[in-house]
Protein backbone atom coordinates (compact mmCIF):
# COMPACT_ATOMS: atom_id res chain seq x y z
CA UNK A 1 8.01 -0.48 -49.66
CA UNK A 2 5.82 2.47 -50.88
CA UNK A 3 2.45 1.72 -51.96
CA UNK A 4 0.58 4.66 -54.52
CA UNK A 5 -2.82 3.73 -54.42
CA UNK A 6 -5.16 4.54 -57.08
CA UNK A 7 -3.52 6.60 -59.32
CA UNK A 8 -3.81 6.53 -63.00
CA UNK A 9 -0.97 4.88 -64.60
CA UNK A 10 0.45 5.38 -67.66
CA UNK A 11 3.55 2.93 -68.21
CA UNK A 12 3.74 4.83 -70.78
CA UNK A 13 0.09 2.48 -71.82
CA UNK A 14 -2.62 3.88 -70.56
CA UNK A 15 -2.84 1.14 -67.48
CA UNK A 16 -6.10 2.86 -66.21
CA UNK A 17 -6.31 3.68 -62.28
CA UNK A 18 -3.98 0.96 -60.37
CA UNK A 19 -2.30 0.73 -57.39
CA UNK A 20 1.72 0.49 -57.81
CA UNK A 21 4.07 -1.41 -55.08
CA UNK A 22 7.30 -0.37 -55.29
CA UNK A 23 9.77 -2.87 -53.27
CA UNK A 24 13.61 -2.15 -52.58
CA UNK A 25 14.70 -0.59 -56.15
CA UNK A 26 12.49 -2.31 -57.89
CA UNK A 27 8.46 -2.24 -58.96
CA UNK A 28 6.77 -5.07 -57.27
CA UNK A 29 3.37 -4.96 -58.43
CA UNK A 30 1.30 -2.99 -60.88
CA UNK A 31 -2.49 -3.95 -60.34
CA UNK A 32 -5.97 -2.55 -59.72
CA UNK A 33 -6.60 -3.48 -55.79
CA UNK A 34 -3.13 -4.07 -53.98
CA UNK A 35 -3.86 -5.39 -50.67
CA UNK A 36 -2.07 -3.62 -47.97
CA UNK A 37 0.69 -5.00 -46.44
CA UNK A 38 1.06 -7.14 -43.25
CA UNK A 39 0.34 -4.79 -40.42
CA UNK A 40 4.21 -4.18 -38.72
CA UNK A 41 5.75 -3.96 -42.50
CA UNK A 42 7.74 -0.83 -43.03
CA UNK A 43 5.37 0.28 -45.69
CA UNK A 44 4.48 4.24 -46.65
CA UNK A 45 1.09 4.33 -48.06
CA UNK A 46 -0.08 7.35 -50.51
CA UNK A 47 -3.65 8.18 -51.76
CA UNK A 48 -2.55 8.92 -55.11
CA UNK A 49 -6.28 9.47 -56.25
CA UNK A 50 -6.71 12.05 -59.04
CA UNK A 51 -2.70 11.64 -59.57
CA UNK A 52 -0.85 10.68 -62.82
CA UNK A 53 2.19 7.92 -62.00
CA UNK A 54 4.62 8.06 -64.78
CA UNK A 55 8.10 6.48 -65.70
CA UNK A 56 10.66 8.98 -63.99
CA UNK A 57 12.05 11.13 -66.96
CA UNK A 58 15.69 10.21 -69.10
CA UNK A 59 16.88 13.26 -70.27
CA UNK A 60 19.62 12.56 -72.60
CA UNK A 61 21.73 15.54 -73.03
CA UNK A 62 22.44 17.28 -70.43
CA UNK A 63 25.17 19.73 -69.67
CA UNK A 64 25.83 18.20 -66.07
CA UNK A 65 29.07 19.84 -65.91
CA UNK A 66 27.78 23.16 -67.25
CA UNK A 67 28.06 24.46 -70.71
CA UNK A 68 28.92 27.57 -72.35
CA UNK A 69 31.81 29.94 -72.54
CA UNK A 70 31.41 30.88 -75.87
CA UNK A 71 31.31 34.94 -74.70
CA UNK A 72 34.37 34.51 -72.86
CA UNK A 73 35.08 32.76 -69.51
CA UNK A 74 32.17 34.99 -67.09
CA UNK A 75 29.91 33.19 -69.73
CA UNK A 76 30.68 29.10 -68.20
CA UNK A 77 27.25 28.10 -66.79
CA UNK A 78 28.02 26.20 -63.50
CA UNK A 79 27.32 22.88 -62.94
CA UNK A 80 23.86 21.28 -62.99
CA UNK A 81 22.51 20.57 -59.17
CA UNK A 82 20.51 17.10 -58.12
CA UNK A 83 17.66 19.18 -57.55
CA UNK A 84 17.56 20.52 -60.81
CA UNK A 85 17.29 17.24 -62.10
CA UNK A 86 15.05 15.74 -59.43
CA UNK A 87 12.56 18.45 -59.01
CA UNK A 88 12.24 18.60 -63.30
CA UNK A 89 11.04 14.46 -62.94
CA UNK A 90 14.38 13.39 -63.97
CA UNK A 91 15.86 10.12 -62.58
CA UNK A 92 18.42 9.68 -65.24
CA UNK A 93 20.42 11.96 -66.96
CA UNK A 94 23.11 11.42 -69.77
CA UNK A 95 25.82 14.56 -69.54
CA UNK A 96 28.34 15.69 -71.96
CA UNK A 97 30.59 18.32 -73.02
CA UNK A 98 29.87 20.80 -75.43
CA UNK A 99 31.76 23.71 -77.12
CA UNK A 100 34.11 23.75 -74.64
CA UNK A 101 36.46 20.31 -74.73
CA UNK A 102 39.59 22.51 -74.01
CA UNK A 103 38.83 24.51 -70.05
CA UNK A 104 36.62 21.30 -69.57
CA UNK A 105 37.34 17.85 -69.66
CA UNK A 106 36.01 14.16 -69.64
CA UNK A 107 37.54 13.65 -66.22
CA UNK A 108 35.46 16.03 -64.40
CA UNK A 109 32.29 15.26 -66.46
CA UNK A 110 32.66 11.81 -65.18
CA UNK A 111 32.97 12.79 -61.42
CA UNK A 112 29.74 14.74 -61.70
CA UNK A 113 28.22 11.94 -63.44
CA UNK A 114 28.92 9.36 -60.18
CA UNK A 115 28.54 12.11 -57.72
CA UNK A 116 24.65 12.80 -58.63
CA UNK A 117 24.37 8.87 -58.93
CA UNK A 118 25.67 8.58 -55.47
CA UNK A 119 22.82 10.91 -54.22
CA UNK A 120 20.07 9.34 -55.83
CA UNK A 121 19.99 9.45 -59.57
CA UNK A 122 21.08 7.88 -62.23
CA UNK A 123 23.65 9.54 -64.36
CA UNK A 124 25.79 8.72 -67.50
CA UNK A 125 27.79 10.99 -69.49
CA UNK A 126 29.42 10.59 -73.44
CA UNK A 127 32.93 10.92 -74.61
CA UNK A 128 34.07 13.51 -76.68
CA UNK A 129 32.72 17.30 -77.07
CA UNK A 130 31.94 19.14 -80.37
CA UNK A 131 35.04 18.93 -81.44
CA UNK A 132 37.41 16.10 -83.96
CA UNK A 133 39.43 14.19 -83.13
CA UNK A 134 37.07 14.00 -79.95
CA UNK A 135 38.57 13.95 -76.60
CA UNK A 136 39.03 11.00 -74.40
CA UNK A 137 40.42 9.38 -71.70
CA UNK A 138 41.64 6.50 -72.74
CA UNK A 139 42.87 7.41 -76.26
CA UNK A 140 40.23 6.27 -77.77
CA UNK A 141 36.49 6.52 -78.39
CA UNK A 142 36.01 2.79 -78.26
CA UNK A 143 38.45 2.49 -75.36
CA UNK A 144 36.29 4.90 -73.45
CA UNK A 145 32.89 3.19 -73.80
CA UNK A 146 34.30 -0.12 -73.47
CA UNK A 147 36.18 0.78 -70.01
CA UNK A 148 34.60 3.41 -68.39
CA UNK A 149 31.53 2.57 -66.36
CA UNK A 150 29.00 5.69 -67.11
CA UNK A 151 29.97 6.45 -70.64
CA UNK A 152 27.65 5.25 -72.66
CA UNK A 153 28.19 7.26 -75.88
CA UNK A 154 30.14 10.00 -78.01
CA UNK A 155 28.55 13.12 -78.35
CA UNK A 156 27.86 16.06 -79.08
CA UNK A 157 29.66 15.67 -81.53
CA UNK A 158 29.05 19.08 -83.73
CA UNK A 159 28.40 19.20 -87.48
CA UNK A 160 26.68 22.22 -89.44
CA UNK A 161 27.91 24.72 -87.27
CA UNK A 162 30.45 27.53 -87.39
CA UNK A 163 31.55 26.36 -83.84
CA UNK A 164 32.40 22.53 -85.15
CA UNK A 165 35.73 21.27 -86.14
CA UNK A 166 34.29 20.91 -89.63
CA UNK A 167 34.78 17.29 -89.80
CA UNK A 168 35.15 15.32 -93.05
CA UNK A 169 32.89 12.43 -93.87
CA UNK A 170 35.71 9.56 -93.36
CA UNK A 171 36.26 11.14 -89.70
CA UNK A 172 32.63 11.47 -88.65
CA UNK A 173 32.18 7.76 -89.99
CA UNK A 174 35.32 6.27 -88.47
CA UNK A 175 33.72 7.60 -84.46
CA UNK A 176 30.57 5.80 -85.48
CA UNK A 177 32.02 2.91 -86.30
CA UNK A 178 33.72 3.25 -82.89
CA UNK A 179 30.43 3.91 -81.18
CA UNK A 180 29.21 0.93 -82.79
CA UNK A 181 31.25 -1.24 -81.99
CA UNK A 182 31.98 -0.76 -78.40
CA UNK A 183 28.32 -0.78 -77.78
CA UNK A 184 28.29 -4.87 -79.01
CA UNK A 185 30.94 -5.05 -77.04
CA UNK A 186 29.10 -3.55 -73.87
CA UNK A 187 25.67 -3.71 -74.25
CA UNK A 188 26.09 0.05 -73.80
CA UNK A 189 24.26 2.34 -76.72
CA UNK A 190 26.86 3.11 -78.90
CA UNK A 191 25.46 5.95 -80.24
CA UNK A 192 26.89 8.67 -81.94
CA UNK A 193 25.02 11.95 -80.40
CA UNK A 194 25.31 14.80 -83.33
CA UNK A 195 24.50 18.71 -82.31
CA UNK A 196 23.23 20.28 -85.61
CA UNK A 197 23.52 23.60 -86.03
CA UNK A 198 22.34 26.24 -88.63
CA UNK A 199 24.43 25.68 -91.13
CA UNK A 200 23.24 24.62 -94.81
CA UNK A 201 24.60 21.02 -95.03
CA UNK A 202 22.02 20.04 -92.18
CA UNK A 203 22.03 16.17 -92.28
CA UNK A 204 24.18 15.97 -95.44
CA UNK A 205 27.09 13.83 -93.69
CA UNK A 206 24.27 11.56 -92.31
CA UNK A 207 22.66 11.25 -95.10
CA UNK A 208 26.01 9.95 -97.06
CA UNK A 209 27.03 7.71 -94.36
CA UNK A 210 23.41 5.66 -94.71
CA UNK A 211 24.05 5.79 -98.38
CA UNK A 212 27.82 4.20 -98.40
CA UNK A 213 28.47 2.42 -95.57
CA UNK A 214 27.05 -0.85 -93.28
CA UNK A 215 26.51 0.94 -90.08
CA UNK A 216 23.17 1.03 -88.51
CA UNK A 217 21.02 3.87 -88.85
CA UNK A 218 20.37 3.38 -85.24
CA UNK A 219 24.45 4.61 -84.55
CA UNK A 220 23.49 8.05 -85.43
CA UNK A 221 21.62 9.93 -83.09
CA UNK A 222 20.82 14.12 -84.47
CA UNK A 223 19.99 16.08 -81.85
CA UNK A 224 18.59 20.08 -82.02
CA UNK A 225 16.58 18.77 -85.17
CA UNK A 226 13.90 21.58 -84.46
CA UNK A 227 16.34 24.17 -84.03
CA UNK A 228 14.91 25.51 -87.38
CA UNK A 229 12.22 24.73 -90.19
CA UNK A 230 14.57 23.55 -92.89
CA UNK A 231 16.43 21.01 -90.38
CA UNK A 232 13.13 19.59 -88.99
CA UNK A 233 11.86 18.59 -92.67
CA UNK A 234 15.02 16.99 -93.36
CA UNK A 235 14.88 15.30 -89.71
CA UNK A 236 11.86 13.78 -90.89
CA UNK A 237 12.82 12.48 -93.82
CA UNK A 238 15.63 10.89 -92.45
CA UNK A 239 14.18 9.41 -89.25
CA UNK A 240 11.85 7.11 -92.47
CA UNK A 241 15.35 5.62 -92.78
CA UNK A 242 15.62 3.98 -89.40
CA UNK A 243 17.54 7.11 -87.84
CA UNK A 244 16.78 7.90 -84.23
CA UNK A 245 16.24 12.13 -84.19
CA UNK A 246 16.24 13.84 -80.83
CA UNK A 247 13.93 17.27 -80.38
CA UNK A 248 15.16 19.61 -77.79
CA UNK A 249 12.82 20.95 -75.72
CA UNK A 250 14.26 24.94 -75.62
CA UNK A 251 12.85 27.77 -73.92
CA UNK A 252 10.42 29.91 -75.14
CA UNK A 253 11.92 32.21 -77.25
CA UNK A 254 9.77 34.28 -79.71
CA UNK A 255 12.40 35.98 -81.71
CA UNK A 256 13.80 32.03 -82.17
CA UNK A 257 13.39 30.21 -85.43
CA UNK A 258 12.93 26.80 -83.56
CA UNK A 259 10.05 24.97 -84.19
CA UNK A 260 9.05 24.59 -80.39
CA UNK A 261 9.41 21.26 -79.54
CA UNK A 262 5.61 20.64 -78.51
CA UNK A 263 4.44 21.28 -82.17
CA UNK A 264 7.40 19.23 -83.71
CA UNK A 265 6.71 16.33 -81.31
CA UNK A 266 2.77 16.40 -82.00
CA UNK A 267 3.78 17.15 -86.50
CA UNK A 268 6.19 13.82 -86.06
CA UNK A 269 2.83 11.62 -84.42
CA UNK A 270 0.85 13.37 -86.99
CA UNK A 271 2.96 12.59 -90.18
CA UNK A 272 2.69 8.38 -88.97
CA UNK A 273 6.31 8.34 -88.25
CA UNK A 274 7.43 6.09 -86.31
CA UNK A 275 6.59 6.98 -82.73
CA UNK A 276 9.47 4.46 -81.47
CA UNK A 277 12.52 7.28 -83.27
CA UNK A 278 11.68 10.56 -81.65
CA UNK A 279 13.34 11.09 -78.05
CA UNK A 280 12.91 14.29 -76.26
CA UNK A 281 15.63 16.14 -74.26
CA UNK A 282 16.31 19.26 -72.62
CA UNK A 283 20.07 20.72 -73.73
CA UNK A 284 19.57 20.96 -69.77
CA UNK A 285 22.70 22.98 -68.35
CA UNK A 286 23.97 24.26 -72.04
CA UNK A 287 24.37 27.73 -73.25
CA UNK A 288 21.81 28.74 -75.62
CA UNK A 289 23.15 31.48 -77.34
CA UNK A 290 22.33 33.78 -80.50
CA UNK A 291 25.24 34.55 -83.12
CA UNK A 292 25.01 37.25 -85.68
CA UNK A 293 26.30 36.36 -89.25
CA UNK A 294 30.28 37.48 -88.01
CA UNK A 295 29.96 34.63 -85.42
CA UNK A 296 29.37 37.45 -82.57
CA UNK A 297 27.47 36.53 -79.28
CA UNK A 298 24.28 38.64 -79.17
CA UNK A 299 22.60 36.73 -76.17
CA UNK A 300 22.90 33.95 -74.16
CA UNK A 301 19.72 31.62 -72.05
CA UNK A 302 20.96 28.53 -70.49
CA UNK A 303 18.69 25.42 -71.03
CA UNK A 304 16.90 23.47 -68.17
CA UNK A 305 15.63 20.15 -67.51
CA UNK A 306 12.13 21.79 -66.29
CA UNK A 307 11.13 22.43 -69.73
CA UNK A 308 10.39 18.59 -70.12
CA UNK A 309 7.33 18.46 -68.84
CA UNK A 310 5.72 21.60 -69.73
CA UNK A 311 6.58 20.31 -73.64
CA UNK A 312 5.05 16.80 -72.70
CA UNK A 313 1.91 19.00 -71.75
CA UNK A 314 1.82 21.02 -74.50
CA UNK A 315 2.15 18.40 -76.76
CA UNK A 316 -0.98 16.43 -75.53
CA UNK A 317 -2.76 19.50 -75.46
CA UNK A 318 -1.86 19.77 -79.44
CA UNK A 319 -3.30 16.46 -80.21
CA UNK A 320 -0.48 14.29 -79.47
CA UNK A 321 -1.42 10.81 -77.37
CA UNK A 322 -0.48 10.85 -74.29
CA UNK A 323 1.33 7.54 -73.85
CA UNK A 324 3.40 8.54 -76.94
CA UNK A 325 4.49 12.16 -75.74
CA UNK A 326 5.38 10.26 -72.50
CA UNK A 327 7.22 7.48 -74.69
CA UNK A 328 9.84 10.20 -76.12
CA UNK A 329 11.21 11.03 -72.72
CA UNK A 330 10.72 7.47 -71.44
CA UNK A 331 10.41 4.43 -73.01
CA UNK A 332 12.05 5.59 -76.19
CA UNK A 333 15.03 6.81 -74.45
CA UNK A 334 15.45 3.87 -72.47
CA UNK A 335 15.01 1.61 -75.29
CA UNK A 336 17.72 3.53 -77.48
CA UNK A 337 20.04 3.64 -74.83
CA UNK A 338 19.77 0.17 -73.78
CA UNK A 339 18.92 0.60 -70.30
CA UNK A 340 17.00 -2.22 -69.25
CA UNK A 341 15.03 -1.84 -66.45
CA UNK A 342 14.16 1.82 -67.04
CA UNK A 343 11.36 3.84 -69.49
CA UNK A 344 8.32 1.71 -68.09
CA UNK A 345 5.94 1.01 -65.25
CA UNK A 346 6.17 -3.01 -64.79
CA UNK A 347 7.17 -5.67 -62.54
CA UNK A 348 10.88 -5.81 -62.25
CA UNK A 349 11.79 -2.41 -63.98
CA UNK A 350 13.22 -0.49 -61.78
CA UNK A 351 11.27 1.90 -59.61
CA UNK A 352 11.86 5.20 -61.16
CA UNK A 353 8.67 7.40 -61.20
CA UNK A 354 7.04 10.24 -61.06
CA UNK A 355 3.35 11.31 -59.41
CA UNK A 356 1.89 14.68 -61.13
CA UNK A 357 -1.12 15.89 -61.40
CA UNK A 358 -3.00 15.90 -64.68
CA UNK A 359 -1.42 19.37 -65.73
CA UNK A 360 2.21 17.19 -65.30
CA UNK A 361 3.07 19.22 -61.87
CA UNK A 362 5.39 17.34 -60.07
CA UNK A 363 4.41 15.64 -56.39
CA UNK A 364 6.60 13.07 -55.70
CA UNK A 365 9.48 11.76 -57.65
CA UNK A 366 11.10 8.07 -56.50
CA UNK A 367 14.23 6.92 -58.03
CA UNK A 368 15.56 3.65 -57.22
CA UNK A 369 13.10 3.38 -54.98
CA UNK A 370 13.87 6.21 -52.69
CA UNK A 371 11.56 9.13 -52.27
CA UNK A 372 13.72 12.37 -53.67
CA UNK A 373 10.55 14.50 -54.03
CA UNK A 374 7.85 14.46 -51.86
CA UNK A 375 4.77 16.77 -52.05
CA UNK A 376 6.77 19.02 -54.80
CA UNK A 377 9.69 19.68 -52.38
CA UNK A 378 13.31 18.06 -52.71
CA UNK A 379 13.74 16.01 -49.52
CA UNK A 380 17.12 14.56 -50.98
CA UNK A 381 19.91 17.43 -51.67
CA UNK A 382 23.66 17.18 -52.36
CA UNK A 383 26.00 18.49 -49.64
CA UNK A 384 26.11 21.93 -50.67
CA UNK A 385 22.39 22.52 -50.27
CA UNK A 386 20.66 21.46 -54.16
């Protein structure tokens, strides 16, 4: 048991200054002035006065097995380590393959997700990669989602990008249909997570799917929608049709044409869009390349889950109401991915939470009721040190 006393609780709604009791893997109580447990009970009491309690972050776009490779084999990014997630406040991650579904595969990604889950966080994964037809383990997208425990959706299938397989409309909606039906069969997310590049077609295929098919808008989950101002305007418009959009917390780069994630999130809310239809992810472990007009790699950065909390801090400073900013990386993701006990601090919810200062610097991280970070230091590491 862990009793946090006197924290400002953002559930993500503002509950004010409260105590919160963790018992086992669940939140047992959230209220003012909770009594101390009886003498002799195994309970850690944490003085959280002046600090904030938030739900654990859910990073729905992470290259858990490593990304990259577009500049040759030496540019392949190593797998994401446990502490790269926990020190960033991430208690749930959804991993994916990217450009490379050839030298990397779904079996390895699934093993990484299971390994991270055994160490203390919850890790899931997508089936497929950039390419179409998607790479799978069972032979189909539907089969992977239905039969594989930690596969919850398909992605990131690339569109409007020179690295994509240039999928046709029929190919794309057939994958989306498999995702939708598999989600119905399993109560999993059943999403088609779409990588958006800088190509001029933008979200045209998604708009056509909304016009010509019976698929629910929630099935399509385009990401990197803030990579340039033109695409961002398209994303704002398509969110009005019920499509959830995913903002990427790209690292700071003055030469990058991307709309900064904090600016995008603040603009989305200020425009009066449905605050439940926006999510924030990091592209952690992924290669963030810059190409010239001929497709040659000019430079490369690497995504990190560590961009999430600073993005939320800047979005709040830019005028985004604190509960709405926090929800973009917690409750909204949990709802979209059908993670029933995640994303909120409430009685009965899974005990995934962060203790942070008002600048959102991490003090403690608890996942499934277990302390993984204490006073800013990782207390649980993998077998190989990270």
